[in-house]
Amino acid sequence: MNNGQLGLKVNFLSDYVKFGKYGIGINGAWVAAQNQAEAMKKHVHVRINSSKMDCDLIHSHGNFLYSYRIMRKALKSNIPIIITAHQTNRDTDIDFLFERSLAEVVKQYIIRYLQLADLIICPTENSAKLVREELEAIQTIKVISNGVDTNLFQKDEQKREKFRKHYCITNSTILSVGMPTSRKGFRDFVGFSKKMKNATFLWVGKRIFPILQPDNIVNTQNLIMPGYIEDICEAYSAADVFCFPSYYEGEGLAVLEAMSCGLPVIIRDLPVFEKRFIDGKNCLKAQNNKQFMQHISYLHDNPDEKKKLIKNGYETVKNYDIRLVAQKLYTLYKKLLSYF
């Protein structure tokens, strides 16, 4: 099936994609919008951030004024709108000044933003619960993962060798991926590196609006922070363990990427990870920071357990492949359009 055989036109909206070059950073919403738009090209005609009302449906991965303005226009043209709810009011801890005051403002804005949707997609049951209960959404909510391209996210020995040589890495490497904020557990990760000096700790991710964020005091002895890197698979390939001390996630896309790249993962025991990630089967879960360090040492000393987690993790991530997600989205599009 190809684009030419289908007449369905879908406009993907993402403020992150449109304005990413101005320094807002790479995040799960940006990745999801790009990956889903690319995967959907096999099913529909794809527009990206078009301001024209020449589409059958709008699928918004945005959250800001650009997407909001276009969706307001779409309402007047009776064009159906799907919003993937990437952000909630709990995403506002990004180390800004006055972030607590900002959280309530953001919450009220997101409530208003979601009211534009005919249907809402959430990546997990936990995020759907938050959207219903805290953001007061009354629309139908479907749970569909953001998806991972398992063909792209693969361990590559050449990339591993290149990356480790570039950063002079010779020992066991613990990786985390994301914006270096308190919510992501960045300061905890720095603490791990200070106490576990026999390993190299690698944090990949760009600060959002770095001018507005305070400088982070980091341990430079065995902590490497390359910022944003073009090919994230280089970092996944170079690492030996994926450590994700985040305190809140909508889905935790980086965990799925790490599993796809053949890494054992250690995550905080959060509601969002329930059912998908099982402690001792496809991951290790930590109740506190002490357990994170214990799990890191455990995997270093137990290679068979590490292999088991890698194998089961890879089997898990197959269920979230971007091609399966595209099929679910296409079915959802057709069903929604049948009501218009």
Protein backbone atom coordinates (compact mmCIF):
# COMPACT_ATOMS: atom_id res chain seq x y z
CA MET A 1 0.00 0.00 0.00
CA ASN A 2 1.41 3.43 -0.83
CA ASN A 3 0.52 7.10 -0.66
CA GLY A 4 -0.80 7.26 -4.19
CA GLN A 5 -3.53 4.72 -3.49
CA LEU A 6 -5.08 6.72 -0.67
CA GLY A 7 -6.91 10.00 -0.52
CA LEU A 8 -6.79 10.59 3.23
CA LYS A 9 -4.82 13.71 4.12
CA VAL A 10 -3.54 14.21 7.68
CA ASN A 11 -1.86 17.34 9.00
CA PHE A 12 0.59 16.57 11.80
CA LEU A 13 1.13 19.53 14.11
CA SER A 14 4.12 19.95 16.40
CA ASP A 15 5.45 23.18 17.86
CA TYR A 16 8.57 21.26 18.84
CA VAL A 17 9.31 20.28 15.24
CA LYS A 18 8.61 23.78 13.94
CA PHE A 19 10.59 25.71 16.55
CA GLY A 20 13.15 23.14 17.69
CA LYS A 21 15.97 25.01 15.98
CA TYR A 22 15.45 27.91 18.39
CA GLY A 23 16.64 25.86 21.32
CA ILE A 24 13.59 24.24 22.88
CA GLY A 25 15.39 20.92 22.75
CA ILE A 26 14.55 17.39 21.72
CA ASN A 27 11.92 15.56 23.75
CA GLY A 28 9.46 12.70 23.47
CA ALA A 29 6.81 14.84 21.79
CA TRP A 30 9.27 15.93 19.09
CA VAL A 31 10.42 12.35 18.48
CA ALA A 32 6.86 10.98 18.42
CA ALA A 33 5.66 13.59 15.94
CA GLN A 34 8.54 12.95 13.56
CA ASN A 35 8.42 9.16 13.79
CA GLN A 36 4.66 8.84 13.51
CA ALA A 37 4.45 11.24 10.58
CA GLU A 38 7.12 9.26 8.76
CA ALA A 39 5.49 5.89 9.52
CA MET A 40 2.05 7.14 8.46
CA LYS A 41 3.31 7.98 4.97
CA LYS A 42 2.59 4.35 4.06
CA HIS A 43 -1.08 4.86 4.90
CA VAL A 44 -2.03 8.50 4.32
CA HIS A 45 -0.91 11.71 2.66
CA VAL A 46 1.10 13.50 5.34
CA ARG A 47 1.25 17.25 5.91
CA ILE A 48 3.50 18.65 8.65
CA ASN A 49 2.62 21.95 10.33
CA SER A 50 0.57 23.17 7.40
CA SER A 51 -1.48 26.29 8.08
CA LYS A 52 -3.79 25.46 5.16
CA MET A 53 -7.11 23.76 5.77
CA ASP A 54 -6.64 21.26 2.93
CA CYS A 55 -6.64 18.11 5.04
CA ASP A 56 -9.18 15.57 6.24
CA LEU A 57 -7.89 15.37 9.78
CA ILE A 58 -5.47 17.07 12.15
CA HIS A 59 -3.27 15.08 14.51
CA SER A 60 -1.59 17.41 16.96
CA HIS A 61 1.54 16.54 18.91
CA GLY A 62 1.92 20.15 19.90
CA ASN A 63 1.06 21.98 23.03
CA PHE A 64 1.69 25.63 22.30
CA LEU A 65 0.24 28.61 20.51
CA TYR A 66 1.20 27.66 16.95
CA SER A 67 -0.73 24.38 17.08
CA TYR A 68 -3.52 26.02 19.05
CA ARG A 69 -4.03 28.69 16.38
CA ILE A 70 -4.21 26.15 13.55
CA MET A 71 -6.65 23.95 15.45
CA ARG A 72 -8.90 26.93 16.08
CA LYS A 73 -9.03 27.43 12.31
CA ALA A 74 -9.74 23.73 11.81
CA LEU A 75 -12.76 23.93 14.10
CA LYS A 76 -14.31 26.57 11.86
CA SER A 77 -13.76 24.28 8.86
CA ASN A 78 -15.27 21.27 10.67
CA ILE A 79 -12.03 19.30 10.39
CA PRO A 80 -11.70 16.54 13.03
CA ILE A 81 -8.91 16.96 15.54
CA ILE A 82 -6.90 14.31 17.38
CA ILE A 83 -4.53 15.44 20.11
CA THR A 84 -1.83 13.21 21.51
CA ALA A 85 -1.49 14.44 25.09
CA HIS A 86 2.24 14.39 25.66
CA GLN A 87 2.31 16.99 28.41
CA THR A 88 0.38 17.35 31.63
CA ASN A 89 0.74 19.84 34.46
CA ARG A 90 3.30 17.47 35.98
CA ASP A 91 5.80 18.17 33.19
CA THR A 92 6.59 21.70 34.36
CA ASP A 93 9.58 20.88 36.56
CA ILE A 94 12.29 22.02 34.18
CA ASP A 95 14.33 23.96 36.73
CA PHE A 96 12.79 27.32 35.87
CA LEU A 97 12.42 30.00 38.47
CA PHE A 98 8.81 30.22 39.72
CA GLU A 99 8.09 26.74 38.34
CA ARG A 100 5.41 26.06 40.98
CA SER A 101 3.45 29.11 39.93
CA LEU A 102 4.01 28.19 36.32
CA ALA A 103 2.55 24.71 36.86
CA GLU A 104 -0.95 26.03 37.57
CA VAL A 105 -0.83 28.37 34.56
CA VAL A 106 0.30 25.49 32.35
CA LYS A 107 -2.45 23.26 33.73
CA GLN A 108 -5.20 25.74 32.88
CA TYR A 109 -3.76 26.25 29.40
CA ILE A 110 -3.54 22.51 28.68
CA ILE A 111 -7.13 22.03 29.84
CA ARG A 112 -8.22 24.65 27.33
CA TYR A 113 -5.98 23.19 24.65
CA LEU A 114 -7.39 19.67 25.05
CA GLN A 115 -10.92 20.99 24.75
CA LEU A 116 -10.25 21.49 21.03
CA ALA A 117 -9.90 17.74 20.45
CA ASP A 118 -12.56 15.40 19.13
CA LEU A 119 -10.46 12.51 20.42
CA ILE A 120 -7.41 12.31 22.69
CA ILE A 121 -4.57 9.80 22.53
CA CYS A 122 -2.46 9.05 25.59
CA PRO A 123 0.67 6.89 25.43
CA THR A 124 -0.11 4.95 28.63
CA GLU A 125 -3.01 4.14 30.92
CA ASN A 126 -1.37 6.22 33.64
CA SER A 127 -1.21 9.33 31.46
CA ALA A 128 -4.82 8.75 30.40
CA LYS A 129 -5.84 8.71 34.06
CA LEU A 130 -4.09 12.03 34.66
CA VAL A 131 -5.72 13.60 31.60
CA ARG A 132 -9.17 12.48 32.77
CA GLU A 133 -8.82 13.34 36.44
CA GLU A 134 -6.44 16.31 36.58
CA LEU A 135 -6.96 17.89 33.16
CA GLU A 136 -10.72 17.28 33.17
CA ALA A 137 -10.92 15.79 29.67
CA ILE A 138 -14.38 14.49 28.79
CA GLN A 139 -13.59 13.26 25.26
CA THR A 140 -12.94 9.66 24.33
CA ILE A 141 -9.35 8.72 25.18
CA LYS A 142 -7.44 5.98 23.36
CA VAL A 143 -4.19 4.56 24.72
CA ILE A 144 -1.59 4.15 21.97
CA SER A 145 2.17 4.16 22.50
CA ASN A 146 4.27 6.81 20.80
CA GLY A 147 6.17 3.93 19.24
CA VAL A 148 9.81 3.08 18.61
CA ASP A 149 11.48 2.31 15.30
CA THR A 150 13.05 -1.00 16.26
CA ASN A 151 14.81 -1.17 12.89
CA LEU A 152 16.59 2.10 13.65
CA PHE A 153 17.30 1.56 17.33
CA GLN A 154 19.77 -1.29 17.15
CA LYS A 155 23.10 -1.83 18.87
CA ASP A 156 25.98 -1.17 16.50
CA GLU A 157 29.49 -2.30 17.43
CA GLN A 158 31.14 0.17 15.06
CA LYS A 159 29.19 3.06 16.60
CA ARG A 160 30.11 1.77 20.04
CA GLU A 161 33.80 1.72 19.23
CA LYS A 162 33.67 5.18 17.59
CA PHE A 163 31.83 6.83 20.47
CA ARG A 164 33.93 5.26 23.22
CA LYS A 165 37.13 6.16 21.42
CA HIS A 166 35.99 9.76 20.92
CA TYR A 167 35.24 10.21 24.63
CA CYS A 168 38.14 8.00 25.83
CA ILE A 169 35.81 5.51 27.54
CA THR A 170 37.43 2.24 28.62
CA ASN A 171 35.30 0.98 31.52
CA SER A 172 31.69 0.06 32.25
CA THR A 173 29.36 2.86 31.13
CA ILE A 174 26.04 3.89 32.65
CA LEU A 175 23.81 5.93 30.35
CA SER A 176 20.80 8.16 30.85
CA VAL A 177 18.98 10.15 28.17
CA GLY A 178 16.83 13.25 28.55
CA MET A 179 16.90 16.91 29.44
CA PRO A 180 19.09 17.32 32.54
CA THR A 181 16.38 18.45 34.97
CA SER A 182 15.36 17.60 38.50
CA ARG A 183 12.25 15.77 37.25
CA LYS A 184 14.41 13.53 35.08
CA GLY A 185 16.57 12.66 38.08
CA PHE A 186 19.64 14.45 36.76
CA ARG A 187 20.97 15.47 40.16
CA ASP A 188 20.50 11.91 41.41
CA PHE A 189 22.48 10.64 38.42
CA VAL A 190 25.30 13.05 39.27
CA GLY A 191 25.23 11.65 42.79
CA PHE A 192 25.59 8.11 41.47
CA SER A 193 28.65 9.13 39.48
CA LYS A 194 30.31 10.66 42.53
CA LYS A 195 29.85 7.49 44.59
CA MET A 196 30.66 4.96 41.85
CA LYS A 197 33.97 6.18 40.50
CA ASN A 198 34.94 2.89 38.85
CA ALA A 199 32.33 3.42 36.13
CA THR A 200 31.77 6.10 33.50
CA PHE A 201 28.44 7.90 33.67
CA LEU A 202 27.05 9.36 30.46
CA TRP A 203 24.12 11.81 30.29
CA VAL A 204 22.92 12.67 26.81
CA GLY A 205 20.43 15.50 26.39
CA LYS A 206 20.15 19.22 25.84
CA ARG A 207 18.97 21.69 28.43
CA ILE A 208 15.78 23.47 27.44
CA PHE A 209 16.22 27.26 27.20
CA PRO A 210 19.72 27.10 28.78
CA ILE A 211 19.85 30.87 29.33
CA LEU A 212 16.89 30.66 31.71
CA GLN A 213 18.13 27.61 33.59
CA PRO A 214 20.76 27.74 36.31
CA ASP A 215 24.09 26.09 35.60
CA ASN A 216 24.29 22.56 36.93
CA ILE A 217 27.22 21.68 39.15
CA VAL A 218 28.39 18.35 37.85
CA ASN A 219 31.02 15.79 38.70
CA THR A 220 33.54 15.99 35.87
CA GLN A 221 35.81 13.12 36.93
CA ASN A 222 33.71 10.27 35.54
CA LEU A 223 30.62 12.03 34.19
CA ILE A 224 30.41 12.85 30.48
CA MET A 225 27.74 15.25 29.20
CA PRO A 226 27.95 15.64 25.41
CA GLY A 227 24.57 17.43 25.26
CA TYR A 228 22.48 16.70 22.18
CA ILE A 229 24.03 14.25 19.72
CA GLU A 230 22.79 13.71 16.20
CA ASP A 231 22.81 9.91 16.31
CA ILE A 232 21.54 8.82 19.71
CA CYS A 233 22.16 5.19 18.76
CA GLU A 234 25.88 5.91 19.17
CA ALA A 235 25.34 6.60 22.85
CA TYR A 236 23.02 3.61 23.34
CA SER A 237 25.59 1.38 21.60
CA ALA A 238 28.45 2.76 23.69
CA ALA A 239 26.73 2.09 27.02
CA ASP A 240 26.52 -1.07 29.11
CA VAL A 241 23.54 -0.20 31.35
CA PHE A 242 20.66 2.24 30.93
CA CYS A 243 19.80 4.02 34.18
CA PHE A 244 16.64 6.15 34.16
CA PRO A 245 16.01 7.86 37.53
CA SER A 246 13.14 10.04 36.28
CA TYR A 247 10.40 10.94 38.77
CA TYR A 248 7.62 11.37 36.20
CA GLU A 249 7.06 10.21 32.61
CA GLY A 250 4.16 10.22 30.20
CA GLU A 251 5.52 7.05 28.59
CA GLY A 252 9.29 6.83 29.03
CA LEU A 253 10.19 6.53 25.36
CA ALA A 254 13.92 6.46 26.14
CA VAL A 255 13.41 3.23 28.09
CA LEU A 256 11.93 1.56 25.00
CA GLU A 257 14.74 2.92 22.82
CA ALA A 258 17.34 1.52 25.22
CA MET A 259 15.64 -1.89 25.22
CA SER A 260 15.57 -1.87 21.44
CA CYS A 261 19.32 -1.17 21.44
CA GLY A 262 19.99 -4.18 23.65
CA LEU A 263 20.61 -2.47 26.97
CA PRO A 264 19.49 -3.72 30.39
CA VAL A 265 17.45 -0.97 32.02
CA ILE A 266 17.08 0.26 35.58
CA ILE A 267 14.08 2.49 36.22
CA ARG A 268 12.39 4.14 39.16
CA ASP A 269 9.32 2.25 40.38
CA LEU A 270 6.63 4.57 38.99
CA PRO A 271 2.92 3.99 38.22
CA VAL A 272 3.52 4.74 34.54
CA PHE A 273 5.79 1.70 34.27
CA GLU A 274 3.38 -0.78 35.81
CA LYS A 275 2.34 -3.80 33.70
CA ARG A 276 4.64 -2.83 30.82
CA PHE A 277 7.90 -3.23 32.71
CA ILE A 278 8.21 -6.08 35.21
CA ASP A 279 10.90 -5.99 37.87
CA GLY A 280 13.35 -8.86 37.45
CA LYS A 281 11.92 -9.85 34.07
CA ASN A 282 12.57 -7.08 31.52
CA CYS A 283 14.02 -4.44 33.86
CA LEU A 284 15.14 -3.72 37.40
CA LYS A 285 13.10 -1.24 39.44
CA ALA A 286 14.51 0.96 42.16
CA GLN A 287 12.52 2.27 45.10
CA ASN A 288 15.17 4.84 45.96
CA ASN A 289 18.58 6.14 44.87
CA LYS A 290 20.46 3.59 46.98
CA GLN A 291 18.75 0.79 45.05
CA PHE A 292 19.77 2.34 41.74
CA MET A 293 23.42 1.99 42.71
CA GLN A 294 22.86 -1.50 44.09
CA HIS A 295 21.25 -2.56 40.80
CA ILE A 296 24.12 -1.09 38.77
CA SER A 297 26.62 -3.12 40.81
CA TYR A 298 24.41 -6.22 40.60
CA LEU A 299 24.31 -6.15 36.80
CA HIS A 300 28.06 -5.66 36.66
CA ASP A 301 28.59 -8.77 38.81
CA ASN A 302 25.86 -10.94 37.23
CA PRO A 303 26.29 -11.14 33.43
CA ASP A 304 23.70 -13.92 33.05
CA GLU A 305 21.03 -11.78 34.70
CA LYS A 306 22.05 -8.92 32.46
CA LYS A 307 21.61 -11.10 29.36
CA LYS A 308 18.16 -12.18 30.55
CA LEU A 309 17.00 -8.58 30.98
CA ILE A 310 18.36 -7.65 27.56
CA LYS A 311 16.56 -10.56 25.87
CA ASN A 312 13.23 -9.93 27.61
CA GLY A 313 13.51 -6.20 27.10
CA TYR A 314 13.93 -6.65 23.37
CA GLU A 315 10.90 -8.95 23.23
CA THR A 316 8.92 -6.29 25.10
CA VAL A 317 9.80 -3.43 22.80
CA LYS A 318 8.61 -5.37 19.73
CA ASN A 319 5.06 -4.68 20.94
CA TYR A 320 5.70 -0.95 20.63
CA ASP A 321 7.20 -0.92 17.14
CA ILE A 322 6.33 2.21 15.17
CA ARG A 323 4.81 0.16 12.34
CA LEU A 324 2.28 -1.39 14.73
CA VAL A 325 1.52 2.08 16.06
CA ALA A 326 0.94 3.36 12.52
CA GLN A 327 -1.60 0.60 11.87
CA LYS A 328 -3.49 1.49 15.05
CA LEU A 329 -3.49 5.18 14.16
CA TYR A 330 -4.76 4.52 10.64
CA THR A 331 -7.64 2.46 12.02
CA LEU A 332 -8.42 5.23 14.49
CA TYR A 333 -8.36 7.91 11.78
CA LYS A 334 -10.87 6.01 9.65
CA LYS A 335 -13.18 5.40 12.57
CA LEU A 336 -13.15 9.04 13.62
CA LEU A 337 -13.76 10.29 10.09
CA SER A 338 -16.78 8.01 9.77
CA TYR A 339 -18.56 10.22 12.32
CA PHE A 340 -18.04 13.40 10.29
